[in-house]
Amino acid sequence: MSAPSQARPVRVARRDADAVGRRTAWNALFIAPYMLAFLVLLVVPLGLGMWLSFQDYDMLAGYGGPVGWENYERLLGDRIFLGSVRNTIWFVIISVPAFVGLGLFLALLLNDDSRKSSFFRSIFFGSSVLSVTIVTLVWRLVYMPDRGLLQNIAGMFGLTAPNFMTTEALALPGIAIVTVWWIIGLPMMLFLAALQQIPKEVYEAAALDNASRWRVLVSITLPAIRRTIVLVAVIEVILQFQLFGQANLITNGGPNNASRPIVMFIYEAGFRDWMLGYAAAASQILFVLMLGAAMLQMWIGRQKDGG
């Protein structure tokens, strides 16, 4: 009797394991479309881009064979490329803190259920749905040196408006202003979602203790949404490293390449000069910069979160 009694739990365990395996196989079918799209649209292009960066591939002259690290060595000696790297990093430095700070400020102001707050939420988020062409067209009319809106307003006070389109030092800050105005709605909404998850009882307890608004912000609100702050920073770093449309349509990379970003350099190298291997090498450097910046933001967030 002992042998059958020992075999029965084994059969039950095998039957349960088979059932779990069948459920796992069926569940895998639900994620198969996503995994297929992930492989085809992300993993395969990434691998092909890495391979292409080590090749001499010209769309006019054809495939010239592998060249090793030659494309990367040329990039490190290319003054225009190095300038585009500096421009992109500087743009990220000046735009990402603005997205985080201004987005959080707007979220704090509009974190209630009033109709006024709902109206302004729609206003700030509404600009995010506009295309880059419409946004840049509007802001070119604002930035026009002689007859632009900014100059007309400054002229009313006897002043001269800064020329963001033709001044080297102001080109990237001007594009940053346009970009923040355009998509400030996304970080604002992320912060609003995080603020609304904080229990109201915590604020009620702080009010009973007569805590000041600054103390509530520093001791309750910011610690509670710390992960969202890191999330917004990482998202914006990744997005702003891909600057292209605004710089292309407002300043065309000028003046004197002062606002030419890396993506614009990649576009011109690949689709204007037809040097696909060279452009692929530049795109890999951009990928490394984006990955490094995102990982740095996440590491800083973990350090502030206590490891």
Foldseek 3Di string as FASTA:
>chain_A
DVVVVVVVVVVVVVVVVVVVVVVVVVVVVVCVVVVVCCCVVPVVVLVVLVVLLQWFAFPVVGTDGGNGCVLVVVLVVDPLNVLQAVLLVVLLVVQLVCLLVVLLVLLVVLLDDDPVSVVVLCVQQVLQPDDLVVLLVLVLQQQPQPRRVVQVVQVVVPHGGDRCQADLVNVSVSLSVSVCSRHSSVSNVLLSVQQVVFDVVVVVVCVVVVHDPVCCCVPPSCVSCLVSSLVSSLVSLLVSLQDDSNCCRRHNCDDVNSNNHLNNVLCCVCPVVRRSNSSSSSVVVSVVVSVVVSVVSVVVSVVVVPD
